[in-house]
Amino acid sequence: MPYVISGACIDVNDKSCMDECPVDCIYEGERKSYVNPKECIDCGACEPVCPVEAITQDRDVEAGMEAFVEDDRRFFVDVLPGRDAPIGAPGGARVVGTIGVDTDLVRDWQA
């Protein structure tokens, strides 16, 4: 996975990254956004626009935020609460709109 969104996004979810992404690979959950690893082209356009510096390459995630690398992947491959199937790689966030739910890690996150 080229880029990942860490815990700094939780309950901030500014969405500037979504506007900047040229391939529409950033999906909106309830408390944070997630980068789809199958759709991301590793361009880095999202990283500098994040006001809370939550976006980094997967190999550069800050200490204590390592779980978000796997968690961003799980958002797309696990069946999320209230959904019948995994999100997968539908070809862009605008195709599916706001997902409105989060992974267990994000749902239970305490700042």
PDB file of N, CA and C in Angstrom:
ATOM      1  N   MET A   1       0.862  -1.178   0.000  1.00  0.00           N
ATOM      2  CA  MET A   1       0.000   0.000   0.000  1.00  0.00           C
ATOM      3  C   MET A   1       0.900   1.229   0.000  1.00  0.00           C
ATOM      4  N   PRO A   2       0.815   2.072  -0.982  1.00  0.00           N
ATOM      5  CA  PRO A   2       1.689   3.242  -1.049  1.00  0.00           C
ATOM      6  C   PRO A   2       1.444   4.271   0.053  1.00  0.00           C
ATOM      7  N   TYR A   3       0.228   4.707   0.244  1.00  0.00           N
ATOM      8  CA  TYR A   3      -0.068   5.730   1.257  1.00  0.00           C
ATOM      9  C   TYR A   3      -1.112   5.207   2.233  1.00  0.00           C
ATOM     10  N   VAL A   4      -1.067   5.746   3.433  1.00  0.00           N
ATOM     11  CA  VAL A   4      -1.972   5.328   4.496  1.00  0.00           C
ATOM     12  C   VAL A   4      -2.385   6.570   5.287  1.00  0.00           C
ATOM     13  N   ILE A   5      -3.575   6.531   5.829  1.00  0.00           N
ATOM     14  CA  ILE A   5      -4.077   7.638   6.660  1.00  0.00           C
ATOM     15  C   ILE A   5      -4.124   7.144   8.100  1.00  0.00           C
ATOM     16  N   SER A   6      -3.415   7.824   8.984  1.00  0.00           N
ATOM     17  CA  SER A   6      -3.289   7.376  10.365  1.00  0.00           C
ATOM     18  C   SER A   6      -4.337   7.997  11.286  1.00  0.00           C
ATOM     19  N   GLY A   7      -4.161   7.765  12.555  1.00  0.00           N
ATOM     20  CA  GLY A   7      -5.116   8.195  13.571  1.00  0.00           C
ATOM     21  C   GLY A   7      -5.303   9.691  13.702  1.00  0.00           C
ATOM     22  N   ALA A   8      -4.366  10.480  13.213  1.00  0.00           N
ATOM     23  CA  ALA A   8      -4.522  11.938  13.302  1.00  0.00           C
ATOM     24  C   ALA A   8      -5.744  12.437  12.529  1.00  0.00           C
ATOM     25  N   CYS A   9      -6.221  11.636  11.598  1.00  0.00           N
ATOM     26  CA  CYS A   9      -7.403  12.003  10.804  1.00  0.00           C
ATOM     27  C   CYS A   9      -8.714  11.794  11.568  1.00  0.00           C
ATOM     28  N   ILE A  10      -8.692  10.915  12.555  1.00  0.00           N
ATOM     29  CA  ILE A  10      -9.924  10.545  13.255  1.00  0.00           C
ATOM     30  C   ILE A  10     -10.576  11.771  13.889  1.00  0.00           C
ATOM     31  N   ASP A  11     -11.838  11.937  13.582  1.00  0.00           N
ATOM     32  CA  ASP A  11     -12.689  13.031  14.054  1.00  0.00           C
ATOM     33  C   ASP A  11     -12.288  14.407  13.530  1.00  0.00           C
ATOM     34  N   VAL A  12     -11.309  14.458  12.631  1.00  0.00           N
ATOM     35  CA  VAL A  12     -10.960  15.690  11.916  1.00  0.00           C
ATOM     36  C   VAL A  12     -11.477  15.556  10.487  1.00  0.00           C
ATOM     37  N   ASN A  13     -11.013  14.521   9.805  1.00  0.00           N
ATOM     38  CA  ASN A  13     -11.462  14.151   8.462  1.00  0.00           C
ATOM     39  C   ASN A  13     -11.723  15.364   7.563  1.00  0.00           C
ATOM     40  N   ASP A  14     -10.703  16.152   7.382  1.00  0.00           N
ATOM     41  CA  ASP A  14     -10.769  17.404   6.613  1.00  0.00           C
ATOM     42  C   ASP A  14     -11.174  17.208   5.149  1.00  0.00           C
ATOM     43  N   LYS A  15     -10.809  16.121   4.545  1.00  0.00           N
ATOM     44  CA  LYS A  15     -11.156  15.735   3.171  1.00  0.00           C
ATOM     45  C   LYS A  15     -10.423  16.520   2.083  1.00  0.00           C
ATOM     46  N   SER A  16      -9.459  17.349   2.440  1.00  0.00           N
ATOM     47  CA  SER A  16      -8.648  18.026   1.415  1.00  0.00           C
ATOM     48  C   SER A  16      -7.953  17.009   0.530  1.00  0.00           C
ATOM     49  N   CYS A  17      -7.561  15.901   1.128  1.00  0.00           N
ATOM     50  CA  CYS A  17      -6.879  14.847   0.379  1.00  0.00           C
ATOM     51  C   CYS A  17      -7.775  14.281  -0.716  1.00  0.00           C
ATOM     52  N   MET A  18      -9.051  14.165  -0.440  1.00  0.00           N
ATOM     53  CA  MET A  18      -9.994  13.626  -1.421  1.00  0.00           C
ATOM     54  C   MET A  18     -10.082  14.539  -2.640  1.00  0.00           C
ATOM     55  N   ASP A  19     -10.074  15.824  -2.404  1.00  0.00           N
ATOM     56  CA  ASP A  19     -10.136  16.791  -3.504  1.00  0.00           C
ATOM     57  C   ASP A  19      -8.870  16.758  -4.350  1.00  0.00           C
ATOM     58  N   GLU A  20      -7.752  16.457  -3.733  1.00  0.00           N
ATOM     59  CA  GLU A  20      -6.458  16.490  -4.409  1.00  0.00           C
ATOM     60  C   GLU A  20      -6.131  15.204  -5.167  1.00  0.00           C
ATOM     61  N   CYS A  21      -6.707  14.098  -4.762  1.00  0.00           N
ATOM     62  CA  CYS A  21      -6.362  12.796  -5.332  1.00  0.00           C
ATOM     63  C   CYS A  21      -6.790  12.697  -6.803  1.00  0.00           C
ATOM     64  N   PRO A  22      -5.835  12.466  -7.715  1.00  0.00           N
ATOM     65  CA  PRO A  22      -6.182  12.420  -9.139  1.00  0.00           C
ATOM     66  C   PRO A  22      -6.903  11.133  -9.565  1.00  0.00           C
ATOM     67  N   VAL A  23      -6.864  10.090  -8.730  1.00  0.00           N
ATOM     68  CA  VAL A  23      -7.520   8.829  -9.093  1.00  0.00           C
ATOM     69  C   VAL A  23      -8.692   8.494  -8.176  1.00  0.00           C
ATOM     70  N   ASP A  24      -9.073   9.412  -7.303  1.00  0.00           N
ATOM     71  CA  ASP A  24     -10.264   9.247  -6.473  1.00  0.00           C
ATOM     72  C   ASP A  24     -10.212   7.974  -5.614  1.00  0.00           C
ATOM     73  N   CYS A  25      -9.035   7.718  -4.992  1.00  0.00           N
ATOM     74  CA  CYS A  25      -8.858   6.469  -4.244  1.00  0.00           C
ATOM     75  C   CYS A  25      -8.992   6.641  -2.731  1.00  0.00           C
ATOM     76  N   ILE A  26      -9.459   7.797  -2.272  1.00  0.00           N
ATOM     77  CA  ILE A  26      -9.611   8.040  -0.835  1.00  0.00           C
ATOM     78  C   ILE A  26     -11.098   8.038  -0.506  1.00  0.00           C
ATOM     79  N   TYR A  27     -11.482   7.113   0.359  1.00  0.00           N
ATOM     80  CA  TYR A  27     -12.879   6.862   0.689  1.00  0.00           C
ATOM     81  C   TYR A  27     -13.188   7.363   2.091  1.00  0.00           C
ATOM     82  N   GLU A  28     -14.383   7.860   2.270  1.00  0.00           N
ATOM     83  CA  GLU A  28     -14.779   8.466   3.542  1.00  0.00           C
ATOM     84  C   GLU A  28     -15.563   7.491   4.410  1.00  0.00           C
ATOM     85  N   GLY A  29     -15.011   7.215   5.587  1.00  0.00           N
ATOM     86  CA  GLY A  29     -15.732   6.447   6.587  1.00  0.00           C
ATOM     87  C   GLY A  29     -16.545   7.401   7.448  1.00  0.00           C
ATOM     88  N   GLU A  30     -16.832   7.005   8.671  1.00  0.00           N
ATOM     89  CA  GLU A  30     -17.566   7.894   9.577  1.00  0.00           C
ATOM     90  C   GLU A  30     -16.631   8.856  10.293  1.00  0.00           C
ATOM     91  N   ARG A  31     -15.539   8.347  10.844  1.00  0.00           N
ATOM     92  CA  ARG A  31     -14.629   9.164  11.647  1.00  0.00           C
ATOM     93  C   ARG A  31     -13.344   9.547  10.921  1.00  0.00           C
ATOM     94  N   LYS A  32     -12.981   8.836   9.851  1.00  0.00           N
ATOM     95  CA  LYS A  32     -11.752   9.130   9.101  1.00  0.00           C
ATOM     96  C   LYS A  32     -11.887   8.647   7.667  1.00  0.00           C
ATOM     97  N   SER A  33     -10.904   8.967   6.868  1.00  0.00           N
ATOM     98  CA  SER A  33     -10.856   8.513   5.479  1.00  0.00           C
ATOM     99  C   SER A  33      -9.803   7.421   5.338  1.00  0.00           C
ATOM    100  N   TYR A  34      -9.877   6.670   4.225  1.00  0.00           N
ATOM    101  CA  TYR A  34      -9.028   5.518   3.984  1.00  0.00           C
ATOM    102  C   TYR A  34      -8.542   5.527   2.539  1.00  0.00           C
ATOM    103  N   VAL A  35      -7.250   5.187   2.332  1.00  0.00           N
ATOM    104  CA  VAL A  35      -6.684   5.082   0.991  1.00  0.00           C
ATOM    105  C   VAL A  35      -6.862   3.648   0.496  1.00  0.00           C
ATOM    106  N   ASN A  36      -7.450   3.502  -0.686  1.00  0.00           N
ATOM    107  CA  ASN A  36      -7.626   2.174  -1.260  1.00  0.00           C
ATOM    108  C   ASN A  36      -6.295   1.729  -1.880  1.00  0.00           C
ATOM    109  N   PRO A  37      -5.680   0.675  -1.323  1.00  0.00           N
ATOM    110  CA  PRO A  37      -4.363   0.256  -1.803  1.00  0.00           C
ATOM    111  C   PRO A  37      -4.364  -0.280  -3.231  1.00  0.00           C
ATOM    112  N   LYS A  38      -5.491  -0.755  -3.714  1.00  0.00           N
ATOM    113  CA  LYS A  38      -5.582  -1.272  -5.085  1.00  0.00           C
ATOM    114  C   LYS A  38      -5.722  -0.146  -6.105  1.00  0.00           C
ATOM    115  N   GLU A  39      -6.190   1.012  -5.669  1.00  0.00           N
ATOM    116  CA  GLU A  39      -6.447   2.115  -6.596  1.00  0.00           C
ATOM    117  C   GLU A  39      -5.408   3.233  -6.521  1.00  0.00           C
ATOM    118  N   CYS A  40      -4.677   3.318  -5.416  1.00  0.00           N
ATOM    119  CA  CYS A  40      -3.675   4.374  -5.237  1.00  0.00           C
ATOM    120  C   CYS A  40      -2.530   4.190  -6.227  1.00  0.00           C
ATOM    121  N   ILE A  41      -2.104   5.284  -6.865  1.00  0.00           N
ATOM    122  CA  ILE A  41      -1.012   5.226  -7.837  1.00  0.00           C
ATOM    123  C   ILE A  41       0.297   5.750  -7.244  1.00  0.00           C
ATOM    124  N   ASP A  42       0.330   5.968  -5.939  1.00  0.00           N
ATOM    125  CA  ASP A  42       1.542   6.368  -5.232  1.00  0.00           C
ATOM    126  C   ASP A  42       2.094   7.710  -5.721  1.00  0.00           C
ATOM    127  N   CYS A  43       1.194   8.638  -6.060  1.00  0.00           N
ATOM    128  CA  CYS A  43       1.643   9.937  -6.571  1.00  0.00           C
ATOM    129  C   CYS A  43       2.020  10.914  -5.460  1.00  0.00           C
ATOM    130  N   GLY A  44       1.440  10.742  -4.272  1.00  0.00           N
ATOM    131  CA  GLY A  44       1.762  11.606  -3.146  1.00  0.00           C
ATOM    132  C   GLY A  44       1.032  12.928  -3.115  1.00  0.00           C
ATOM    133  N   ALA A  45       0.106  13.159  -4.006  1.00  0.00           N
ATOM    134  CA  ALA A  45      -0.601  14.448  -4.051  1.00  0.00           C
ATOM    135  C   ALA A  45      -1.393  14.715  -2.773  1.00  0.00           C
ATOM    136  N   CYS A  46      -1.855  13.681  -2.124  1.00  0.00           N
ATOM    137  CA  CYS A  46      -2.676  13.825  -0.918  1.00  0.00           C
ATOM    138  C   CYS A  46      -1.874  14.253   0.305  1.00  0.00           C
ATOM    139  N   GLU A  47      -0.644  13.825   0.382  1.00  0.00           N
ATOM    140  CA  GLU A  47       0.163  14.023   1.597  1.00  0.00           C
ATOM    141  C   GLU A  47       0.345  15.486   2.000  1.00  0.00           C
ATOM    142  N   PRO A  48       0.773  16.374   1.113  1.00  0.00           N
ATOM    143  CA  PRO A  48       1.039  17.748   1.556  1.00  0.00           C
ATOM    144  C   PRO A  48      -0.208  18.570   1.884  1.00  0.00           C
ATOM    145  N   VAL A  49      -1.380  18.150   1.440  1.00  0.00           N
ATOM    146  CA  VAL A  49      -2.583  18.944   1.704  1.00  0.00           C
ATOM    147  C   VAL A  49      -3.276  18.566   3.011  1.00  0.00           C
ATOM    148  N   CYS A  50      -2.843  17.495   3.653  1.00  0.00           N
ATOM    149  CA  CYS A  50      -3.469  17.066   4.908  1.00  0.00           C
ATOM    150  C   CYS A  50      -3.084  18.029   6.034  1.00  0.00           C
ATOM    151  N   PRO A  51      -4.064  18.717   6.620  1.00  0.00           N
ATOM    152  CA  PRO A  51      -3.750  19.718   7.638  1.00  0.00           C
ATOM    153  C   PRO A  51      -3.258  19.138   8.963  1.00  0.00           C
ATOM    154  N   VAL A  52      -3.460  17.842   9.181  1.00  0.00           N
ATOM    155  CA  VAL A  52      -3.018  17.221  10.430  1.00  0.00           C
ATOM    156  C   VAL A  52      -1.890  16.219  10.199  1.00  0.00           C
ATOM    157  N   GLU A  53      -1.333  16.202   8.992  1.00  0.00           N
ATOM    158  CA  GLU A  53      -0.211  15.338   8.630  1.00  0.00           C
ATOM    159  C   GLU A  53      -0.488  13.870   8.936  1.00  0.00           C
ATOM    160  N   ALA A  54      -1.702  13.431   8.638  1.00  0.00           N
ATOM    161  CA  ALA A  54      -2.100  12.049   8.887  1.00  0.00           C
ATOM    162  C   ALA A  54      -1.709  11.111   7.752  1.00  0.00           C
ATOM    163  N   ILE A  55      -1.314  11.641   6.605  1.00  0.00           N
ATOM    164  CA  ILE A  55      -1.042  10.807   5.431  1.00  0.00           C
ATOM    165  C   ILE A  55       0.464  10.667   5.225  1.00  0.00           C
ATOM    166  N   THR A  56       0.897   9.404   5.129  1.00  0.00           N
ATOM    167  CA  THR A  56       2.300   9.110   4.856  1.00  0.00           C
ATOM    168  C   THR A  56       2.375   7.850   3.998  1.00  0.00           C
ATOM    169  N   GLN A  57       3.563   7.606   3.464  1.00  0.00           N
ATOM    170  CA  GLN A  57       3.776   6.326   2.807  1.00  0.00           C
ATOM    171  C   GLN A  57       3.722   5.236   3.869  1.00  0.00           C
ATOM    172  N   ASP A  58       3.292   4.065   3.471  1.00  0.00           N
ATOM    173  CA  ASP A  58       3.100   2.990   4.444  1.00  0.00           C
ATOM    174  C   ASP A  58       4.373   2.642   5.205  1.00  0.00           C
ATOM    175  N   ARG A  59       5.510   2.831   4.619  1.00  0.00           N
ATOM    176  CA  ARG A  59       6.772   2.506   5.287  1.00  0.00           C
ATOM    177  C   ARG A  59       7.289   3.635   6.180  1.00  0.00           C
ATOM    178  N   ASP A  60       6.603   4.778   6.171  1.00  0.00           N
ATOM    179  CA  ASP A  60       7.033   5.928   6.967  1.00  0.00           C
ATOM    180  C   ASP A  60       6.021   6.350   8.033  1.00  0.00           C
ATOM    181  N   VAL A  61       5.127   5.455   8.411  1.00  0.00           N
ATOM    182  CA  VAL A  61       4.108   5.786   9.412  1.00  0.00           C
ATOM    183  C   VAL A  61       4.799   6.047  10.745  1.00  0.00           C
ATOM    184  N   GLU A  62       4.363   7.085  11.437  1.00  0.00           N
ATOM    185  CA  GLU A  62       5.009   7.445  12.701  1.00  0.00           C
ATOM    186  C   GLU A  62       4.786   6.373  13.775  1.00  0.00           C
ATOM    187  N   ALA A  63       5.681   6.341  14.720  1.00  0.00           N
ATOM    188  CA  ALA A  63       5.613   5.369  15.812  1.00  0.00           C
ATOM    189  C   ALA A  63       4.264   5.458  16.514  1.00  0.00           C
ATOM    190  N   GLY A  64       3.689   4.315  16.791  1.00  0.00           N
ATOM    191  CA  GLY A  64       2.388   4.246  17.447  1.00  0.00           C
ATOM    192  C   GLY A  64       1.216   4.213  16.491  1.00  0.00           C
ATOM    193  N   MET A  65       1.474   4.427  15.208  1.00  0.00           N
ATOM    194  CA  MET A  65       0.402   4.447  14.206  1.00  0.00           C
ATOM    195  C   MET A  65       0.527   3.306  13.200  1.00  0.00           C
ATOM    196  N   GLU A  66       1.398   2.350  13.456  1.00  0.00           N
ATOM    197  CA  GLU A  66       1.655   1.257  12.530  1.00  0.00           C
ATOM    198  C   GLU A  66       0.410   0.429  12.212  1.00  0.00           C
ATOM    199  N   ALA A  67      -0.494   0.306  13.154  1.00  0.00           N
ATOM    200  CA  ALA A  67      -1.709  -0.494  12.949  1.00  0.00           C
ATOM    201  C   ALA A  67      -2.577   0.045  11.817  1.00  0.00           C
ATOM    202  N   PHE A  68      -2.430   1.322  11.490  1.00  0.00           N
ATOM    203  CA  PHE A  68      -3.253   1.910  10.441  1.00  0.00           C
ATOM    204  C   PHE A  68      -2.861   1.444   9.038  1.00  0.00           C
ATOM    205  N   VAL A  69      -1.661   0.909   8.872  1.00  0.00           N
ATOM    206  CA  VAL A  69      -1.273   0.373   7.566  1.00  0.00           C
ATOM    207  C   VAL A  69      -2.193  -0.798   7.220  1.00  0.00           C
ATOM    208  N   GLU A  70      -2.293  -1.756   8.121  1.00  0.00           N
ATOM    209  CA  GLU A  70      -3.173  -2.905   7.905  1.00  0.00           C
ATOM    210  C   GLU A  70      -4.640  -2.489   7.959  1.00  0.00           C
ATOM    211  N   ASP A  71      -4.961  -1.527   8.799  1.00  0.00           N
ATOM    212  CA  ASP A  71      -6.351  -1.112   8.955  1.00  0.00           C
ATOM    213  C   ASP A  71      -6.907  -0.475   7.680  1.00  0.00           C
ATOM    214  N   ASP A  72      -6.117   0.330   6.986  1.00  0.00           N
ATOM    215  CA  ASP A  72      -6.579   0.905   5.720  1.00  0.00           C
ATOM    216  C   ASP A  72      -6.892  -0.212   4.720  1.00  0.00           C
ATOM    217  N   ARG A  73      -6.061  -1.252   4.673  1.00  0.00           N
ATOM    218  CA  ARG A  73      -6.317  -2.379   3.776  1.00  0.00           C
ATOM    219  C   ARG A  73      -7.596  -3.105   4.177  1.00  0.00           C
ATOM    220  N   ARG A  74      -7.765  -3.337   5.474  1.00  0.00           N
ATOM    221  CA  ARG A  74      -8.946  -4.055   5.962  1.00  0.00           C
ATOM    222  C   ARG A  74     -10.245  -3.322   5.650  1.00  0.00           C
ATOM    223  N   PHE A  75     -10.215  -2.002   5.601  1.00  0.00           N
ATOM    224  CA  PHE A  75     -11.407  -1.225   5.271  1.00  0.00           C
ATOM    225  C   PHE A  75     -12.000  -1.675   3.941  1.00  0.00           C
ATOM    226  N   PHE A  76     -11.166  -2.109   3.030  1.00  0.00           N
ATOM    227  CA  PHE A  76     -11.611  -2.489   1.690  1.00  0.00           C
ATOM    228  C   PHE A  76     -11.825  -3.992   1.510  1.00  0.00           C
ATOM    229  N   VAL A  77     -11.211  -4.821   2.336  1.00  0.00           N
ATOM    230  CA  VAL A  77     -11.330  -6.273   2.144  1.00  0.00           C
ATOM    231  C   VAL A  77     -12.250  -6.955   3.147  1.00  0.00           C
ATOM    232  N   ASP A  78     -12.484  -6.359   4.303  1.00  0.00           N
ATOM    233  CA  ASP A  78     -13.406  -6.924   5.288  1.00  0.00           C
ATOM    234  C   ASP A  78     -14.826  -6.436   5.017  1.00  0.00           C
ATOM    235  N   VAL A  79     -15.794  -7.186   5.467  1.00  0.00           N
ATOM    236  CA  VAL A  79     -17.181  -6.728   5.399  1.00  0.00           C
ATOM    237  C   VAL A  79     -17.406  -5.813   6.600  1.00  0.00           C
ATOM    238  N   LEU A  80     -17.683  -4.561   6.332  1.00  0.00           N
ATOM    239  CA  LEU A  80     -17.886  -3.564   7.394  1.00  0.00           C
ATOM    240  C   LEU A  80     -19.308  -3.656   7.947  1.00  0.00           C
ATOM    241  N   PRO A  81     -19.510  -3.182   9.174  1.00  0.00           N
ATOM    242  CA  PRO A  81     -20.855  -3.211   9.770  1.00  0.00           C
ATOM    243  C   PRO A  81     -21.898  -2.549   8.865  1.00  0.00           C
ATOM    244  N   GLY A  82     -23.027  -3.234   8.712  1.00  0.00           N
ATOM    245  CA  GLY A  82     -24.123  -2.702   7.911  1.00  0.00           C
ATOM    246  C   GLY A  82     -23.975  -2.900   6.415  1.00  0.00           C
ATOM    247  N   ARG A  83     -22.918  -3.583   5.984  1.00  0.00           N
ATOM    248  CA  ARG A  83     -22.700  -3.829   4.558  1.00  0.00           C
ATOM    249  C   ARG A  83     -22.791  -5.322   4.282  1.00  0.00           C
ATOM    250  N   ASP A  84     -23.138  -5.683   3.078  1.00  0.00           N
ATOM    251  CA  ASP A  84     -23.290  -7.089   2.696  1.00  0.00           C
ATOM    252  C   ASP A  84     -22.022  -7.698   2.109  1.00  0.00           C
ATOM    253  N   ALA A  85     -21.121  -6.840   1.640  1.00  0.00           N
ATOM    254  CA  ALA A  85     -19.911  -7.329   0.979  1.00  0.00           C
ATOM    255  C   ALA A  85     -18.782  -6.322   1.198  1.00  0.00           C
ATOM    256  N   PRO A  86     -17.558  -6.754   0.986  1.00  0.00           N
ATOM    257  CA  PRO A  86     -16.435  -5.814   1.083  1.00  0.00           C
ATOM    258  C   PRO A  86     -16.549  -4.707   0.026  1.00  0.00           C
ATOM    259  N   ILE A  87     -15.947  -3.586   0.301  1.00  0.00           N
ATOM    260  CA  ILE A  87     -15.934  -2.473  -0.658  1.00  0.00           C
ATOM    261  C   ILE A  87     -15.106  -2.849  -1.884  1.00  0.00           C
ATOM    262  N   GLY A  88     -13.986  -3.503  -1.662  1.00  0.00           N
ATOM    263  CA  GLY A  88     -13.129  -3.906  -2.769  1.00  0.00           C
ATOM    264  C   GLY A  88     -12.493  -2.705  -3.445  1.00  0.00           C
ATOM    265  N   ALA A  89     -12.439  -2.737  -4.758  1.00  0.00           N
ATOM    266  CA  ALA A  89     -11.877  -1.653  -5.569  1.00  0.00           C
ATOM    267  C   ALA A  89     -12.909  -1.251  -6.615  1.00  0.00           C
ATOM    268  N   PRO A  90     -13.891  -0.437  -6.213  1.00  0.00           N
ATOM    269  CA  PRO A  90     -14.992  -0.106  -7.122  1.00  0.00           C
ATOM    270  C   PRO A  90     -14.663   0.902  -8.217  1.00  0.00           C
ATOM    271  N   GLY A  91     -13.443   1.428  -8.222  1.00  0.00           N
ATOM    272  CA  GLY A  91     -13.074   2.354  -9.282  1.00  0.00           C
ATOM    273  C   GLY A  91     -13.208   3.813  -8.923  1.00  0.00           C
ATOM    274  N   GLY A  92     -13.232   4.120  -7.641  1.00  0.00           N
ATOM    275  CA  GLY A  92     -13.263   5.505  -7.199  1.00  0.00           C
ATOM    276  C   GLY A  92     -14.286   5.770  -6.124  1.00  0.00           C
ATOM    277  N   ALA A  93     -13.943   6.658  -5.228  1.00  0.00           N
ATOM    278  CA  ALA A  93     -14.813   6.981  -4.095  1.00  0.00           C
ATOM    279  C   ALA A  93     -16.119   7.632  -4.542  1.00  0.00           C
ATOM    280  N   ARG A  94     -16.082   8.391  -5.609  1.00  0.00           N
ATOM    281  CA  ARG A  94     -17.314   9.044  -6.068  1.00  0.00           C
ATOM    282  C   ARG A  94     -18.351   8.030  -6.567  1.00  0.00           C
ATOM    283  N   VAL A  95     -17.871   6.872  -6.993  1.00  0.00           N
ATOM    284  CA  VAL A  95     -18.754   5.809  -7.473  1.00  0.00           C
ATOM    285  C   VAL A  95     -19.661   5.318  -6.341  1.00  0.00           C
ATOM    286  N   VAL A  96     -19.088   5.181  -5.136  1.00  0.00           N
ATOM    287  CA  VAL A  96     -19.845   4.625  -4.012  1.00  0.00           C
ATOM    288  C   VAL A  96     -20.320   5.676  -3.011  1.00  0.00           C
ATOM    289  N   GLY A  97     -19.746   6.864  -3.037  1.00  0.00           N
ATOM    290  CA  GLY A  97     -20.122   7.908  -2.086  1.00  0.00           C
ATOM    291  C   GLY A  97     -19.565   7.634  -0.699  1.00  0.00           C
ATOM    292  N   THR A  98     -20.050   8.357   0.271  1.00  0.00           N
ATOM    293  CA  THR A  98     -19.598   8.200   1.649  1.00  0.00           C
ATOM    294  C   THR A  98     -19.953   6.802   2.152  1.00  0.00           C
ATOM    295  N   ILE A  99     -18.981   6.129   2.723  1.00  0.00           N
ATOM    296  CA  ILE A  99     -19.220   4.787   3.262  1.00  0.00           C
ATOM    297  C   ILE A  99     -19.952   4.897   4.598  1.00  0.00           C
ATOM    298  N   GLY A 100     -19.529   5.832   5.442  1.00  0.00           N
ATOM    299  CA  GLY A 100     -20.258   6.125   6.675  1.00  0.00           C
ATOM    300  C   GLY A 100     -20.042   5.182   7.834  1.00  0.00           C
ATOM    301  N   VAL A 101     -19.157   4.212   7.692  1.00  0.00           N
ATOM    302  CA  VAL A 101     -18.776   3.329   8.796  1.00  0.00           C
ATOM    303  C   VAL A 101     -17.259   3.206   8.806  1.00  0.00           C
ATOM    304  N   ASP A 102     -16.735   2.701   9.900  1.00  0.00           N
ATOM    305  CA  ASP A 102     -15.291   2.555  10.046  1.00  0.00           C
ATOM    306  C   ASP A 102     -14.933   1.133  10.446  1.00  0.00           C
ATOM    307  N   THR A 103     -13.659   0.859  10.397  1.00  0.00           N
ATOM    308  CA  THR A 103     -13.133  -0.397  10.914  1.00  0.00           C
ATOM    309  C   THR A 103     -13.256  -0.380  12.437  1.00  0.00           C
ATOM    310  N   ASP A 104     -13.080  -1.537  13.046  1.00  0.00           N
ATOM    311  CA  ASP A 104     -13.138  -1.615  14.511  1.00  0.00           C
ATOM    312  C   ASP A 104     -12.070  -0.733  15.155  1.00  0.00           C
ATOM    313  N   LEU A 105     -10.882  -0.707  14.595  1.00  0.00           N
ATOM    314  CA  LEU A 105      -9.800   0.105  15.157  1.00  0.00           C
ATOM    315  C   LEU A 105     -10.218   1.571  15.261  1.00  0.00           C
ATOM    316  N   VAL A 106     -10.776   2.096  14.192  1.00  0.00           N
ATOM    317  CA  VAL A 106     -11.159   3.506  14.159  1.00  0.00           C
ATOM    318  C   VAL A 106     -12.408   3.750  15.004  1.00  0.00           C
ATOM    319  N   ARG A 107     -13.368   2.858  14.891  1.00  0.00           N
ATOM    320  CA  ARG A 107     -14.601   3.007  15.666  1.00  0.00           C
ATOM    321  C   ARG A 107     -14.312   3.086  17.167  1.00  0.00           C
ATOM    322  N   ASP A 108     -13.378   2.274  17.639  1.00  0.00           N
ATOM    323  CA  ASP A 108     -13.069   2.198  19.070  1.00  0.00           C
ATOM    324  C   ASP A 108     -11.936   3.108  19.511  1.00  0.00           C
ATOM    325  N   TRP A 109     -11.365   3.884  18.598  1.00  0.00           N
ATOM    326  CA  TRP A 109     -10.192   4.725  18.880  1.00  0.00           C
ATOM    327  C   TRP A 109     -10.533   5.797  19.918  1.00  0.00           C
ATOM    328  N   GLN A 110      -9.699   5.880  20.919  1.00  0.00           N
ATOM    329  CA  GLN A 110      -9.812   6.934  21.942  1.00  0.00           C
ATOM    330  C   GLN A 110      -8.583   7.822  21.842  1.00  0.00           C
ATOM    331  N   ALA A 111      -8.798   9.084  21.611  1.00  0.00           N
ATOM    332  CA  ALA A 111      -7.671  10.016  21.474  1.00  0.00           C
ATOM    333  C   ALA A 111      -7.038  10.316  22.805  1.00  0.00           C
TER     334      ALA A 111
END
